[in-house]
Amino acid sequence: MFGCELPTYFESGGVRYPFHSDFREWIRFESLIINSDVPENLKNVLALRLIFAGNVPEDIIGAEKFILWFYRGGREKRAANNDNSGADSLESRRVYDFEYDFDYLYAAFLEQYGIDLINIDYLHWWKFRALFKGLHDCKLTEIMGYRGADIPDELPDSRKVFLLDMQELYELPVSLTEQRRIEKAMRYLEG
């Protein structure tokens, strides 16, 4: 990944299209893509505008593929049975939300790397991803562990209760669309 210059432009038809490579825009991109309140048919258009800042390439399909490749850190999509960390896959179980967890993320980067995510002028998305994956022994990784924990039947009841309490305490917010679906399902179940 870091054996060469980090990409800051998309090339198509001999034309170079600069794009936002700073981590802040890619956090916004991820938030856009996972937001179920944004209609699916608008996500691609909004993502292209966000990343290419109004200078959207004519090769829309190529640009969309490039955006996903870049988001994944220059890697192709992994097979479903391979390891998928949260930073690699939009499809995997969500254990973090960069915007919702920003306080913990900020504290972890400051503590472990001395990086002030608010005042830093620029941090390439791929560098941010690598640093995020390397976080350890901090409140954010503890919370992510709770959110992602499986609770098998074999666990002692006290441990199950603890994990369920932690999952409830640190639960990620659901979108308005998800809330409506839950409410509708509850009404249906209640009669």
C-alpha atoms as a PDB file:
ATOM      1  CA  MET A   1       0.000   0.000   0.000  1.00  0.00           C
ATOM      2  CA  PHE A   2       2.671   2.548   0.946  1.00  0.00           C
ATOM      3  CA  GLY A   3       5.349   1.379  -1.477  1.00  0.00           C
ATOM      4  CA  CYS A   4       4.460   4.224  -3.821  1.00  0.00           C
ATOM      5  CA  GLU A   5       3.069   7.731  -3.801  1.00  0.00           C
ATOM      6  CA  LEU A   6      -0.362   7.926  -2.228  1.00  0.00           C
ATOM      7  CA  PRO A   7      -3.058   8.675  -4.819  1.00  0.00           C
ATOM      8  CA  THR A   8      -4.536  12.161  -4.961  1.00  0.00           C
ATOM      9  CA  TYR A   9      -6.059  12.063  -8.451  1.00  0.00           C
ATOM     10  CA  PHE A  10      -8.142   9.771 -10.667  1.00  0.00           C
ATOM     11  CA  GLU A  11      -7.037   9.431 -14.291  1.00  0.00           C
ATOM     12  CA  SER A  12      -9.455   8.731 -17.114  1.00  0.00           C
ATOM     13  CA  GLY A  13      -9.022   9.302 -20.828  1.00  0.00           C
ATOM     14  CA  GLY A  14      -5.665  10.986 -20.248  1.00  0.00           C
ATOM     15  CA  VAL A  15      -7.218  13.556 -17.901  1.00  0.00           C
ATOM     16  CA  ARG A  16      -6.292  13.765 -14.233  1.00  0.00           C
ATOM     17  CA  TYR A  17      -9.140  14.530 -11.857  1.00  0.00           C
ATOM     18  CA  PRO A  18      -7.971  15.628  -8.421  1.00  0.00           C
ATOM     19  CA  PHE A  19     -10.146  14.433  -5.580  1.00  0.00           C
ATOM     20  CA  HIS A  20     -10.379  14.843  -1.837  1.00  0.00           C
ATOM     21  CA  SER A  21      -7.960  12.405  -0.219  1.00  0.00           C
ATOM     22  CA  ASP A  22      -8.114  13.862   3.294  1.00  0.00           C
ATOM     23  CA  PHE A  23      -9.626  11.576   5.928  1.00  0.00           C
ATOM     24  CA  ARG A  24     -12.412  14.055   6.753  1.00  0.00           C
ATOM     25  CA  GLU A  25     -14.062  13.682   3.334  1.00  0.00           C
ATOM     26  CA  TRP A  26     -13.840   9.905   3.523  1.00  0.00           C
ATOM     27  CA  ILE A  27     -15.490   9.895   6.932  1.00  0.00           C
ATOM     28  CA  ARG A  28     -18.276  11.915   5.309  1.00  0.00           C
ATOM     29  CA  PHE A  29     -18.327   9.449   2.406  1.00  0.00           C
ATOM     30  CA  GLU A  30     -18.706   6.485   4.757  1.00  0.00           C
ATOM     31  CA  SER A  31     -21.468   8.271   6.671  1.00  0.00           C
ATOM     32  CA  LEU A  32     -23.289   8.964   3.413  1.00  0.00           C
ATOM     33  CA  ILE A  33     -23.049   5.386   2.180  1.00  0.00           C
ATOM     34  CA  ILE A  34     -24.295   3.788   5.422  1.00  0.00           C
ATOM     35  CA  ASN A  35     -27.063   6.336   5.974  1.00  0.00           C
ATOM     36  CA  SER A  36     -30.342   4.562   5.229  1.00  0.00           C
ATOM     37  CA  ASP A  37     -32.175   7.908   5.280  1.00  0.00           C
ATOM     38  CA  VAL A  38     -30.485   8.878   1.996  1.00  0.00           C
ATOM     39  CA  PRO A  39     -32.249   7.272  -0.977  1.00  0.00           C
ATOM     40  CA  GLU A  40     -30.065   4.655  -2.678  1.00  0.00           C
ATOM     41  CA  ASN A  41     -30.503   6.280  -6.094  1.00  0.00           C
ATOM     42  CA  LEU A  42     -28.904   9.512  -4.776  1.00  0.00           C
ATOM     43  CA  LYS A  43     -25.918   8.025  -2.958  1.00  0.00           C
ATOM     44  CA  ASN A  44     -23.688   7.592  -6.020  1.00  0.00           C
ATOM     45  CA  VAL A  45     -24.365  11.116  -7.273  1.00  0.00           C
ATOM     46  CA  LEU A  46     -23.763  12.661  -3.856  1.00  0.00           C
ATOM     47  CA  ALA A  47     -20.619  10.582  -3.330  1.00  0.00           C
ATOM     48  CA  LEU A  48     -19.174  11.663  -6.691  1.00  0.00           C
ATOM     49  CA  ARG A  49     -19.881  15.321  -5.901  1.00  0.00           C
ATOM     50  CA  LEU A  50     -18.407  14.998  -2.410  1.00  0.00           C
ATOM     51  CA  ILE A  51     -15.189  13.289  -3.469  1.00  0.00           C
ATOM     52  CA  PHE A  52     -14.539  15.145  -6.730  1.00  0.00           C
ATOM     53  CA  ALA A  53     -15.729  18.532  -5.408  1.00  0.00           C
ATOM     54  CA  GLY A  54     -17.798  19.449  -8.440  1.00  0.00           C
ATOM     55  CA  ASN A  55     -15.276  18.293 -11.062  1.00  0.00           C
ATOM     56  CA  VAL A  56     -16.869  14.877 -11.634  1.00  0.00           C
ATOM     57  CA  PRO A  57     -15.144  12.799 -14.334  1.00  0.00           C
ATOM     58  CA  GLU A  58     -17.046  11.922 -17.499  1.00  0.00           C
ATOM     59  CA  ASP A  59     -16.294   8.231 -16.854  1.00  0.00           C
ATOM     60  CA  ILE A  60     -18.886   7.867 -14.082  1.00  0.00           C
ATOM     61  CA  ILE A  61     -18.615   4.072 -13.803  1.00  0.00           C
ATOM     62  CA  GLY A  62     -14.820   4.230 -13.661  1.00  0.00           C
ATOM     63  CA  ALA A  63     -14.985   7.023 -11.073  1.00  0.00           C
ATOM     64  CA  GLU A  64     -17.430   5.033  -8.917  1.00  0.00           C
ATOM     65  CA  LYS A  65     -15.162   1.968  -9.041  1.00  0.00           C
ATOM     66  CA  PHE A  66     -12.183   4.157  -8.205  1.00  0.00           C
ATOM     67  CA  ILE A  67     -13.978   5.661  -5.203  1.00  0.00           C
ATOM     68  CA  LEU A  68     -14.688   2.199  -3.763  1.00  0.00           C
ATOM     69  CA  TRP A  69     -11.124   1.046  -4.484  1.00  0.00           C
ATOM     70  CA  PHE A  70      -9.723   4.137  -2.800  1.00  0.00           C
ATOM     71  CA  TYR A  71     -12.102   3.831   0.164  1.00  0.00           C
ATOM     72  CA  ARG A  72     -10.866   0.261   0.705  1.00  0.00           C
ATOM     73  CA  GLY A  73      -7.280   1.463   0.812  1.00  0.00           C
ATOM     74  CA  GLY A  74      -6.371   0.426  -2.717  1.00  0.00           C
ATOM     75  CA  ARG A  75      -7.679  -3.088  -2.351  1.00  0.00           C
ATOM     76  CA  GLU A  76     -10.311  -4.975  -4.257  1.00  0.00           C
ATOM     77  CA  LYS A  77     -13.394  -6.146  -2.376  1.00  0.00           C
ATOM     78  CA  ARG A  78     -12.632  -9.229  -0.314  1.00  0.00           C
ATOM     79  CA  ALA A  79     -14.538 -12.470  -0.574  1.00  0.00           C
ATOM     80  CA  ALA A  80     -17.411 -12.808   1.887  1.00  0.00           C
ATOM     81  CA  ASN A  81     -15.704 -15.554   3.892  1.00  0.00           C
ATOM     82  CA  ASN A  82     -12.472 -13.617   4.414  1.00  0.00           C
ATOM     83  CA  ASP A  83     -11.703 -11.391   7.358  1.00  0.00           C
ATOM     84  CA  ASN A  84     -13.483  -8.050   7.045  1.00  0.00           C
ATOM     85  CA  SER A  85     -12.482  -5.396   9.506  1.00  0.00           C
ATOM     86  CA  GLY A  86     -14.880  -2.505   9.898  1.00  0.00           C
ATOM     87  CA  ALA A  87     -12.517  -0.208   8.025  1.00  0.00           C
ATOM     88  CA  ASP A  88     -12.456  -2.530   5.026  1.00  0.00           C
ATOM     89  CA  SER A  89     -16.069  -3.390   4.519  1.00  0.00           C
ATOM     90  CA  LEU A  90     -19.312  -1.515   4.474  1.00  0.00           C
ATOM     91  CA  GLU A  91     -21.124  -4.854   4.692  1.00  0.00           C
ATOM     92  CA  SER A  92     -19.606  -6.111   7.938  1.00  0.00           C
ATOM     93  CA  ARG A  93     -21.190  -5.644  11.369  1.00  0.00           C
ATOM     94  CA  ARG A  94     -20.810  -2.023  12.374  1.00  0.00           C
ATOM     95  CA  VAL A  95     -18.737  -1.633  15.514  1.00  0.00           C
ATOM     96  CA  TYR A  96     -17.840   2.030  15.044  1.00  0.00           C
ATOM     97  CA  ASP A  97     -19.191   5.209  13.532  1.00  0.00           C
ATOM     98  CA  PHE A  98     -16.505   7.787  12.913  1.00  0.00           C
ATOM     99  CA  GLU A  99     -18.848  10.713  13.508  1.00  0.00           C
ATOM    100  CA  TYR A 100     -20.723   9.279  16.493  1.00  0.00           C
ATOM    101  CA  ASP A 101     -17.501   7.993  18.103  1.00  0.00           C
ATOM    102  CA  PHE A 102     -15.394  11.027  17.229  1.00  0.00           C
ATOM    103  CA  ASP A 103     -14.620  11.933  20.854  1.00  0.00           C
ATOM    104  CA  TYR A 104     -13.142   8.483  21.462  1.00  0.00           C
ATOM    105  CA  LEU A 105     -11.396   8.500  18.080  1.00  0.00           C
ATOM    106  CA  TYR A 106      -9.892  11.921  18.755  1.00  0.00           C
ATOM    107  CA  ALA A 107      -8.642  10.862  22.194  1.00  0.00           C
ATOM    108  CA  ALA A 108      -7.156   7.613  20.838  1.00  0.00           C
ATOM    109  CA  PHE A 109      -5.241   9.325  18.020  1.00  0.00           C
ATOM    110  CA  LEU A 110      -3.958  12.014  20.360  1.00  0.00           C
ATOM    111  CA  GLU A 111      -2.914   9.497  23.025  1.00  0.00           C
ATOM    112  CA  GLN A 112      -1.376   6.849  20.777  1.00  0.00           C
ATOM    113  CA  TYR A 113       0.047   8.903  17.904  1.00  0.00           C
ATOM    114  CA  GLY A 114       0.157  12.485  19.123  1.00  0.00           C
ATOM    115  CA  ILE A 115      -2.114  13.446  16.225  1.00  0.00           C
ATOM    116  CA  ASP A 116      -4.718  16.135  16.840  1.00  0.00           C
ATOM    117  CA  LEU A 117      -7.452  15.204  14.360  1.00  0.00           C
ATOM    118  CA  ILE A 118      -9.148  18.568  14.754  1.00  0.00           C
ATOM    119  CA  ASN A 119      -6.155  20.785  14.112  1.00  0.00           C
ATOM    120  CA  ILE A 120      -4.235  18.674  11.608  1.00  0.00           C
ATOM    121  CA  ASP A 121      -4.249  20.331   8.190  1.00  0.00           C
ATOM    122  CA  TYR A 122      -4.249  17.134   6.164  1.00  0.00           C
ATOM    123  CA  LEU A 123      -4.078  13.391   6.709  1.00  0.00           C
ATOM    124  CA  HIS A 124      -4.367  11.072   3.721  1.00  0.00           C
ATOM    125  CA  TRP A 125      -7.235   8.594   4.039  1.00  0.00           C
ATOM    126  CA  TRP A 126      -4.922   5.590   3.647  1.00  0.00           C
ATOM    127  CA  LYS A 127      -2.656   6.802   6.455  1.00  0.00           C
ATOM    128  CA  PHE A 128      -5.696   7.440   8.639  1.00  0.00           C
ATOM    129  CA  ARG A 129      -6.999   3.920   7.906  1.00  0.00           C
ATOM    130  CA  ALA A 130      -3.660   2.345   8.832  1.00  0.00           C
ATOM    131  CA  LEU A 131      -3.515   4.291  12.078  1.00  0.00           C
ATOM    132  CA  PHE A 132      -7.145   3.457  12.870  1.00  0.00           C
ATOM    133  CA  LYS A 133      -6.482  -0.250  12.333  1.00  0.00           C
ATOM    134  CA  GLY A 134      -3.468  -0.002  14.639  1.00  0.00           C
ATOM    135  CA  LEU A 135      -5.360   1.449  17.588  1.00  0.00           C
ATOM    136  CA  HIS A 136      -5.131  -0.685  20.715  1.00  0.00           C
ATOM    137  CA  ASP A 137      -5.776  -0.565  24.447  1.00  0.00           C
ATOM    138  CA  CYS A 138      -8.012   2.497  24.384  1.00  0.00           C
ATOM    139  CA  LYS A 139     -11.638   3.279  25.151  1.00  0.00           C
ATOM    140  CA  LEU A 140     -12.601   3.183  21.466  1.00  0.00           C
ATOM    141  CA  THR A 141     -11.221  -0.326  20.919  1.00  0.00           C
ATOM    142  CA  GLU A 142     -12.879  -1.448  24.154  1.00  0.00           C
ATOM    143  CA  ILE A 143     -16.242  -0.114  22.932  1.00  0.00           C
ATOM    144  CA  MET A 144     -15.754  -1.686  19.501  1.00  0.00           C
ATOM    145  CA  GLY A 145     -15.039  -4.994  21.235  1.00  0.00           C
ATOM    146  CA  TYR A 146     -18.322  -4.790  23.138  1.00  0.00           C
ATOM    147  CA  ARG A 147     -20.295  -3.893  20.033  1.00  0.00           C
ATOM    148  CA  GLY A 148     -18.815  -6.751  18.044  1.00  0.00           C
ATOM    149  CA  ALA A 149     -18.886  -9.367  20.785  1.00  0.00           C
ATOM    150  CA  ASP A 150     -20.716 -12.589  20.099  1.00  0.00           C
ATOM    151  CA  ILE A 151     -22.611 -13.884  23.103  1.00  0.00           C
ATOM    152  CA  PRO A 152     -22.648 -17.677  22.911  1.00  0.00           C
ATOM    153  CA  ASP A 153     -24.965 -19.731  25.086  1.00  0.00           C
ATOM    154  CA  GLU A 154     -21.972 -21.325  26.853  1.00  0.00           C
ATOM    155  CA  LEU A 155     -20.972 -18.062  28.536  1.00  0.00           C
ATOM    156  CA  PRO A 156     -21.764 -17.731  32.218  1.00  0.00           C
ATOM    157  CA  ASP A 157     -24.958 -15.739  32.796  1.00  0.00           C
ATOM    158  CA  SER A 158     -23.088 -12.929  34.561  1.00  0.00           C
ATOM    159  CA  ARG A 159     -20.825 -12.447  31.506  1.00  0.00           C
ATOM    160  CA  LYS A 160     -23.820 -12.521  29.128  1.00  0.00           C
ATOM    161  CA  VAL A 161     -25.605  -9.870  31.192  1.00  0.00           C
ATOM    162  CA  PHE A 162     -22.466  -7.724  31.288  1.00  0.00           C
ATOM    163  CA  LEU A 163     -21.926  -7.933  27.511  1.00  0.00           C
ATOM    164  CA  LEU A 164     -25.589  -7.223  26.774  1.00  0.00           C
ATOM    165  CA  ASP A 165     -25.468  -4.210  29.113  1.00  0.00           C
ATOM    166  CA  MET A 166     -22.318  -2.924  27.392  1.00  0.00           C
ATOM    167  CA  GLN A 167     -23.833  -3.448  23.940  1.00  0.00           C
ATOM    168  CA  GLU A 168     -26.907  -1.491  24.993  1.00  0.00           C
ATOM    169  CA  LEU A 169     -24.834   1.257  26.614  1.00  0.00           C
ATOM    170  CA  TYR A 170     -22.588   1.721  23.550  1.00  0.00           C
ATOM    171  CA  GLU A 171     -25.167   0.929  20.874  1.00  0.00           C
ATOM    172  CA  LEU A 172     -24.782   2.962  17.695  1.00  0.00           C
ATOM    173  CA  PRO A 173     -27.729   5.200  16.851  1.00  0.00           C
ATOM    174  CA  VAL A 174     -30.138   3.992  14.221  1.00  0.00           C
ATOM    175  CA  SER A 175     -31.379   6.107  11.356  1.00  0.00           C
ATOM    176  CA  LEU A 176     -34.913   7.464  11.185  1.00  0.00           C
ATOM    177  CA  THR A 177     -35.709   4.875   8.532  1.00  0.00           C
ATOM    178  CA  GLU A 178     -34.494   2.063  10.804  1.00  0.00           C
ATOM    179  CA  GLN A 179     -36.440   3.517  13.741  1.00  0.00           C
ATOM    180  CA  ARG A 180     -39.625   3.519  11.659  1.00  0.00           C
ATOM    181  CA  ARG A 181     -39.053  -0.104  10.619  1.00  0.00           C
ATOM    182  CA  ILE A 182     -38.539  -1.127  14.246  1.00  0.00           C
ATOM    183  CA  GLU A 183     -41.673   0.751  15.350  1.00  0.00           C
ATOM    184  CA  LYS A 184     -43.693  -0.843  12.546  1.00  0.00           C
ATOM    185  CA  ALA A 185     -42.429  -4.313  13.489  1.00  0.00           C
ATOM    186  CA  MET A 186     -43.273  -3.669  17.154  1.00  0.00           C
ATOM    187  CA  ARG A 187     -46.826  -2.563  16.257  1.00  0.00           C
ATOM    188  CA  TYR A 188     -47.221  -5.670  14.124  1.00  0.00           C
ATOM    189  CA  LEU A 189     -46.005  -7.931  16.933  1.00  0.00           C
ATOM    190  CA  GLU A 190     -48.290  -6.237  19.436  1.00  0.00           C
ATOM    191  CA  GLY A 191     -51.321  -6.999  17.350  1.00  0.00           C
END
